Amino acid sequence: MIEQPKKVLFILGGLDDKDLSWIISRGKTQVIPPGETLIYEGRTIGALYIVLKGLLSVSISPNGERELARLAEGEVVGEISFIDNRPPLATVKAVEESLVLAIPRYELMAQLHRNAGFASRFYQGISLCLASRMRGTVRRLGYEVEDNYLEDVAQDTEEMAESKQDFLELAEVKFQWLVQNLDIS
């Protein structure tokens, strides 16, 4: 089975050096202690987050908490709420001390409106990130779909991984560069 790439790689992979420098200049690092909540289900959030270090738990609580996922270094948090401007459907808490980069929503929106090139690259990356997340969700739910849909998805994912290997390797270098150039004291 192919290891799923870090979601932030889809976003960073298409951004240029100026875009990355802008993210570094506007983003704010936050330390999230173990057990502390970063995002509350149903409460509006004001940032898009990139997990730099640590481990976060994503859960929903219709009748008690139910963990949906764990997010580690290189994951993106709050992207769905960023896109649709609605409150999150899940709560995100730190499992262990974690470090995130918070990119304020209002600043990101202003940059997207003022810089069409950045907007194009950013939205393409978010689209790839969400598509990857959706494919993973469909696989985890184990839907029995006619016409060998899941095998086609797996084959598409393998072909994408092979054809996009250079893209992902470059994106990993960009992520490491971003982490190294943040003022993390």
C-alpha atoms as a PDB file:
ATOM      1  CA  MET A   1       0.000   0.000   0.000  1.00  0.00           C
ATOM      2  CA  ILE A   2       1.252   3.475  -0.834  1.00  0.00           C
ATOM      3  CA  GLU A   3       1.984   5.822   2.055  1.00  0.00           C
ATOM      4  CA  GLN A   4      -0.302   8.828   1.872  1.00  0.00           C
ATOM      5  CA  PRO A   5       1.604  12.085   1.410  1.00  0.00           C
ATOM      6  CA  LYS A   6       1.362  14.833   3.995  1.00  0.00           C
ATOM      7  CA  LYS A   7      -1.610  17.018   3.062  1.00  0.00           C
ATOM      8  CA  VAL A   8       0.402  20.229   3.287  1.00  0.00           C
ATOM      9  CA  LEU A   9       2.595  18.952   0.450  1.00  0.00           C
ATOM     10  CA  PHE A  10      -0.306  19.333  -1.966  1.00  0.00           C
ATOM     11  CA  ILE A  11      -0.528  23.008  -1.012  1.00  0.00           C
ATOM     12  CA  LEU A  12       3.163  23.861  -0.675  1.00  0.00           C
ATOM     13  CA  GLY A  13       4.193  21.904  -3.754  1.00  0.00           C
ATOM     14  CA  GLY A  14       2.591  24.382  -6.124  1.00  0.00           C
ATOM     15  CA  LEU A  15       3.584  27.560  -4.300  1.00  0.00           C
ATOM     16  CA  ASP A  16       6.590  29.580  -5.367  1.00  0.00           C
ATOM     17  CA  ASP A  17       9.295  31.114  -3.154  1.00  0.00           C
ATOM     18  CA  LYS A  18       7.441  34.432  -2.786  1.00  0.00           C
ATOM     19  CA  ASP A  19       4.303  32.574  -1.714  1.00  0.00           C
ATOM     20  CA  LEU A  20       6.230  30.620   0.921  1.00  0.00           C
ATOM     21  CA  SER A  21       7.922  33.786   2.182  1.00  0.00           C
ATOM     22  CA  TRP A  22       4.500  35.424   2.484  1.00  0.00           C
ATOM     23  CA  ILE A  23       3.208  32.467   4.548  1.00  0.00           C
ATOM     24  CA  ILE A  24       6.243  32.684   6.844  1.00  0.00           C
ATOM     25  CA  SER A  25       5.810  36.436   7.304  1.00  0.00           C
ATOM     26  CA  ARG A  26       2.085  36.203   8.115  1.00  0.00           C
ATOM     27  CA  GLY A  27       1.877  32.881   9.919  1.00  0.00           C
ATOM     28  CA  LYS A  28       2.109  32.678  13.689  1.00  0.00           C
ATOM     29  CA  THR A  29       3.453  29.624  15.466  1.00  0.00           C
ATOM     30  CA  GLN A  30       1.441  28.274  18.387  1.00  0.00           C
ATOM     31  CA  VAL A  31       2.403  25.642  20.925  1.00  0.00           C
ATOM     32  CA  ILE A  32      -0.556  23.439  21.830  1.00  0.00           C
ATOM     33  CA  PRO A  33      -0.034  21.594  25.150  1.00  0.00           C
ATOM     34  CA  PRO A  34      -1.268  17.992  25.493  1.00  0.00           C
ATOM     35  CA  GLY A  35      -5.027  17.858  26.005  1.00  0.00           C
ATOM     36  CA  GLU A  36      -5.586  21.452  24.869  1.00  0.00           C
ATOM     37  CA  THR A  37      -8.206  22.076  22.183  1.00  0.00           C
ATOM     38  CA  LEU A  38      -7.121  23.884  19.024  1.00  0.00           C
ATOM     39  CA  ILE A  39     -10.495  23.774  17.243  1.00  0.00           C
ATOM     40  CA  TYR A  40     -13.923  23.330  18.803  1.00  0.00           C
ATOM     41  CA  GLU A  41     -16.703  21.596  16.893  1.00  0.00           C
ATOM     42  CA  GLY A  42     -19.329  24.190  15.923  1.00  0.00           C
ATOM     43  CA  ARG A  43     -17.189  27.265  16.739  1.00  0.00           C
ATOM     44  CA  THR A  44     -15.898  29.479  13.963  1.00  0.00           C
ATOM     45  CA  ILE A  45     -12.129  29.464  13.498  1.00  0.00           C
ATOM     46  CA  GLY A  46      -9.992  32.351  12.354  1.00  0.00           C
ATOM     47  CA  ALA A  47      -7.034  30.535  10.811  1.00  0.00           C
ATOM     48  CA  LEU A  48      -5.800  27.748   8.609  1.00  0.00           C
ATOM     49  CA  TYR A  49      -3.314  25.560  10.476  1.00  0.00           C
ATOM     50  CA  ILE A  50      -0.276  23.555   9.410  1.00  0.00           C
ATOM     51  CA  VAL A  51       0.986  20.970  11.898  1.00  0.00           C
ATOM     52  CA  LEU A  52       4.743  21.486  12.260  1.00  0.00           C
ATOM     53  CA  LYS A  53       5.373  19.017  15.110  1.00  0.00           C
ATOM     54  CA  GLY A  54       3.373  16.810  17.406  1.00  0.00           C
ATOM     55  CA  LEU A  55       0.145  14.867  17.187  1.00  0.00           C
ATOM     56  CA  LEU A  56      -3.474  16.047  17.100  1.00  0.00           C
ATOM     57  CA  SER A  57      -6.695  14.098  17.506  1.00  0.00           C
ATOM     58  CA  VAL A  58      -9.792  14.874  15.418  1.00  0.00           C
ATOM     59  CA  SER A  59     -13.087  13.840  16.997  1.00  0.00           C
ATOM     60  CA  ILE A  60     -16.825  14.394  16.798  1.00  0.00           C
ATOM     61  CA  SER A  61     -19.203  14.238  19.700  1.00  0.00           C
ATOM     62  CA  PRO A  62     -22.820  13.551  18.757  1.00  0.00           C
ATOM     63  CA  ASN A  63     -23.208  11.171  21.730  1.00  0.00           C
ATOM     64  CA  GLY A  64     -19.787  11.156  23.312  1.00  0.00           C
ATOM     65  CA  GLU A  65     -16.426  11.582  21.710  1.00  0.00           C
ATOM     66  CA  ARG A  66     -15.497   9.503  18.695  1.00  0.00           C
ATOM     67  CA  GLU A  67     -12.009   9.867  17.281  1.00  0.00           C
ATOM     68  CA  LEU A  68     -11.964  10.150  13.499  1.00  0.00           C
ATOM     69  CA  ALA A  69      -8.286  10.670  12.832  1.00  0.00           C
ATOM     70  CA  ARG A  70      -4.886  11.598  14.157  1.00  0.00           C
ATOM     71  CA  LEU A  71      -2.891  14.296  12.448  1.00  0.00           C
ATOM     72  CA  ALA A  72       0.880  14.608  12.626  1.00  0.00           C
ATOM     73  CA  GLU A  73       3.589  16.792  11.104  1.00  0.00           C
ATOM     74  CA  GLY A  74       2.698  18.059   7.653  1.00  0.00           C
ATOM     75  CA  GLU A  75      -1.070  17.891   7.983  1.00  0.00           C
ATOM     76  CA  VAL A  76      -3.434  20.786   7.332  1.00  0.00           C
ATOM     77  CA  VAL A  77      -6.195  21.607   9.811  1.00  0.00           C
ATOM     78  CA  GLY A  78      -9.221  23.823   9.255  1.00  0.00           C
ATOM     79  CA  GLU A  79      -9.109  23.703   5.458  1.00  0.00           C
ATOM     80  CA  ILE A  80     -12.762  22.769   5.019  1.00  0.00           C
ATOM     81  CA  SER A  81     -13.947  25.617   7.261  1.00  0.00           C
ATOM     82  CA  PHE A  82     -11.564  27.919   5.415  1.00  0.00           C
ATOM     83  CA  ILE A  83     -13.135  27.000   2.081  1.00  0.00           C
ATOM     84  CA  ASP A  84     -16.812  27.157   3.076  1.00  0.00           C
ATOM     85  CA  ASN A  85     -16.520  29.700   5.926  1.00  0.00           C
ATOM     86  CA  ARG A  86     -18.659  27.535   8.209  1.00  0.00           C
ATOM     87  CA  PRO A  87     -17.895  26.255  11.707  1.00  0.00           C
ATOM     88  CA  PRO A  88     -15.923  23.013  11.908  1.00  0.00           C
ATOM     89  CA  LEU A  89     -17.732  19.694  12.209  1.00  0.00           C
ATOM     90  CA  ALA A  90     -15.065  18.242  14.508  1.00  0.00           C
ATOM     91  CA  THR A  91     -12.944  19.092  17.523  1.00  0.00           C
ATOM     92  CA  VAL A  92      -9.143  19.032  17.249  1.00  0.00           C
ATOM     93  CA  LYS A  93      -7.056  18.474  20.400  1.00  0.00           C
ATOM     94  CA  ALA A  94      -3.372  17.954  21.041  1.00  0.00           C
ATOM     95  CA  VAL A  95      -2.486  14.381  21.981  1.00  0.00           C
ATOM     96  CA  GLU A  96       1.068  15.478  22.751  1.00  0.00           C
ATOM     97  CA  GLU A  97       2.722  18.872  22.789  1.00  0.00           C
ATOM     98  CA  SER A  98       2.297  20.154  19.258  1.00  0.00           C
ATOM     99  CA  LEU A  99       3.451  23.110  17.218  1.00  0.00           C
ATOM    100  CA  VAL A 100       1.228  24.582  14.528  1.00  0.00           C
ATOM    101  CA  LEU A 101       1.558  27.442  12.093  1.00  0.00           C
ATOM    102  CA  ALA A 102      -1.627  29.517  12.161  1.00  0.00           C
ATOM    103  CA  ILE A 103      -2.240  31.533   8.999  1.00  0.00           C
ATOM    104  CA  PRO A 104      -4.893  34.129   9.892  1.00  0.00           C
ATOM    105  CA  ARG A 105      -7.996  33.794   7.731  1.00  0.00           C
ATOM    106  CA  TYR A 106      -8.402  37.532   7.096  1.00  0.00           C
ATOM    107  CA  GLU A 107      -4.791  37.884   5.918  1.00  0.00           C
ATOM    108  CA  LEU A 108      -4.984  34.785   3.740  1.00  0.00           C
ATOM    109  CA  MET A 109      -8.258  35.966   2.184  1.00  0.00           C
ATOM    110  CA  ALA A 110      -6.745  39.406   1.481  1.00  0.00           C
ATOM    111  CA  GLN A 111      -3.727  37.786  -0.209  1.00  0.00           C
ATOM    112  CA  LEU A 112      -5.983  35.542  -2.286  1.00  0.00           C
ATOM    113  CA  HIS A 113      -7.968  38.572  -3.490  1.00  0.00           C
ATOM    114  CA  ARG A 114      -4.933  40.726  -4.229  1.00  0.00           C
ATOM    115  CA  ASN A 115      -2.702  38.113  -5.896  1.00  0.00           C
ATOM    116  CA  ALA A 116      -4.351  35.997  -8.615  1.00  0.00           C
ATOM    117  CA  GLY A 117      -1.263  33.828  -9.134  1.00  0.00           C
ATOM    118  CA  PHE A 118      -1.058  32.983  -5.454  1.00  0.00           C
ATOM    119  CA  ALA A 119      -4.814  32.311  -5.400  1.00  0.00           C
ATOM    120  CA  SER A 120      -4.578  29.931  -8.348  1.00  0.00           C
ATOM    121  CA  ARG A 121      -1.679  27.986  -6.853  1.00  0.00           C
ATOM    122  CA  PHE A 122      -3.198  27.920  -3.368  1.00  0.00           C
ATOM    123  CA  TYR A 123      -6.671  26.800  -4.455  1.00  0.00           C
ATOM    124  CA  GLN A 124      -5.201  24.094  -6.673  1.00  0.00           C
ATOM    125  CA  GLY A 125      -3.269  22.793  -3.682  1.00  0.00           C
ATOM    126  CA  ILE A 126      -6.320  22.916  -1.397  1.00  0.00           C
ATOM    127  CA  SER A 127      -8.327  21.065  -4.060  1.00  0.00           C
ATOM    128  CA  LEU A 128      -5.710  18.297  -4.246  1.00  0.00           C
ATOM    129  CA  CYS A 129      -5.586  18.134  -0.453  1.00  0.00           C
ATOM    130  CA  LEU A 130      -9.382  17.787  -0.161  1.00  0.00           C
ATOM    131  CA  ALA A 131      -9.542  15.263  -3.006  1.00  0.00           C
ATOM    132  CA  SER A 132      -6.910  13.126  -1.281  1.00  0.00           C
ATOM    133  CA  ARG A 133      -8.783  13.359   2.019  1.00  0.00           C
ATOM    134  CA  MET A 134     -12.082  12.405   0.332  1.00  0.00           C
ATOM    135  CA  ARG A 135     -10.545   9.397  -1.418  1.00  0.00           C
ATOM    136  CA  GLY A 136      -9.067   8.246   1.885  1.00  0.00           C
ATOM    137  CA  THR A 137     -12.438   8.628   3.601  1.00  0.00           C
ATOM    138  CA  VAL A 138     -14.195   6.593   0.924  1.00  0.00           C
ATOM    139  CA  ARG A 139     -11.572   3.854   1.269  1.00  0.00           C
ATOM    140  CA  ARG A 140     -11.824   3.821   5.087  1.00  0.00           C
ATOM    141  CA  LEU A 141     -15.604   3.607   4.968  1.00  0.00           C
ATOM    142  CA  GLY A 142     -15.240   0.567   2.734  1.00  0.00           C
ATOM    143  CA  TYR A 143     -18.061   1.391   0.383  1.00  0.00           C
ATOM    144  CA  GLU A 144     -18.919  -1.434  -1.951  1.00  0.00           C
ATOM    145  CA  VAL A 145     -19.209   0.445  -5.216  1.00  0.00           C
ATOM    146  CA  GLU A 146     -20.052  -1.172  -8.525  1.00  0.00           C
ATOM    147  CA  ASP A 147     -17.778  -1.109 -11.573  1.00  0.00           C
ATOM    148  CA  ASN A 148     -14.637  -1.700  -9.504  1.00  0.00           C
ATOM    149  CA  TYR A 149     -14.575   1.963  -8.488  1.00  0.00           C
ATOM    150  CA  LEU A 150     -12.293   1.430  -5.488  1.00  0.00           C
ATOM    151  CA  GLU A 151      -9.765  -0.553  -7.512  1.00  0.00           C
ATOM    152  CA  ASP A 152      -9.762   2.265 -10.065  1.00  0.00           C
ATOM    153  CA  VAL A 153      -9.213   4.791  -7.268  1.00  0.00           C
ATOM    154  CA  ALA A 154      -6.321   2.738  -5.885  1.00  0.00           C
ATOM    155  CA  GLN A 155      -4.813   2.427  -9.366  1.00  0.00           C
ATOM    156  CA  ASP A 156      -5.275   6.162  -9.987  1.00  0.00           C
ATOM    157  CA  THR A 157      -3.593   6.895  -6.651  1.00  0.00           C
ATOM    158  CA  GLU A 158      -0.651   4.646  -7.540  1.00  0.00           C
ATOM    159  CA  GLU A 159      -0.320   6.255 -10.977  1.00  0.00           C
ATOM    160  CA  MET A 160      -0.560   9.717  -9.440  1.00  0.00           C
ATOM    161  CA  ALA A 161       2.082   8.802  -6.854  1.00  0.00           C
ATOM    162  CA  GLU A 162       4.420   7.580  -9.577  1.00  0.00           C
ATOM    163  CA  SER A 163       3.861  10.550 -11.889  1.00  0.00           C
ATOM    164  CA  LYS A 164       3.929  13.113  -9.056  1.00  0.00           C
ATOM    165  CA  GLN A 165       6.946  11.782  -7.167  1.00  0.00           C
ATOM    166  CA  ASP A 166       9.121  14.730  -8.184  1.00  0.00           C
ATOM    167  CA  PHE A 167       6.346  17.150  -7.192  1.00  0.00           C
ATOM    168  CA  LEU A 168       6.014  15.548  -3.747  1.00  0.00           C
ATOM    169  CA  GLU A 169       9.775  15.429  -3.193  1.00  0.00           C
ATOM    170  CA  LEU A 170      10.031  19.136  -4.021  1.00  0.00           C
ATOM    171  CA  ALA A 171       7.048  19.845  -1.792  1.00  0.00           C
ATOM    172  CA  GLU A 172       8.740  17.995   1.099  1.00  0.00           C
ATOM    173  CA  VAL A 173      11.827  20.180   0.638  1.00  0.00           C
ATOM    174  CA  LYS A 174       9.586  23.279   0.678  1.00  0.00           C
ATOM    175  CA  PHE A 175       7.914  22.100   3.894  1.00  0.00           C
ATOM    176  CA  GLN A 176      11.284  21.542   5.571  1.00  0.00           C
ATOM    177  CA  TRP A 177      12.447  24.978   4.343  1.00  0.00           C
ATOM    178  CA  LEU A 178       9.283  26.578   5.742  1.00  0.00           C
ATOM    179  CA  VAL A 179       9.823  24.924   9.144  1.00  0.00           C
ATOM    180  CA  GLN A 180      13.491  25.938   9.246  1.00  0.00           C
ATOM    181  CA  ASN A 181      12.747  29.554   8.321  1.00  0.00           C
ATOM    182  CA  LEU A 182      10.008  30.120  10.886  1.00  0.00           C
ATOM    183  CA  ASP A 183      11.029  31.993  14.001  1.00  0.00           C
ATOM    184  CA  ILE A 184      10.499  29.057  16.369  1.00  0.00           C
ATOM    185  CA  SER A 185      12.279  29.858  19.601  1.00  0.00           C
END
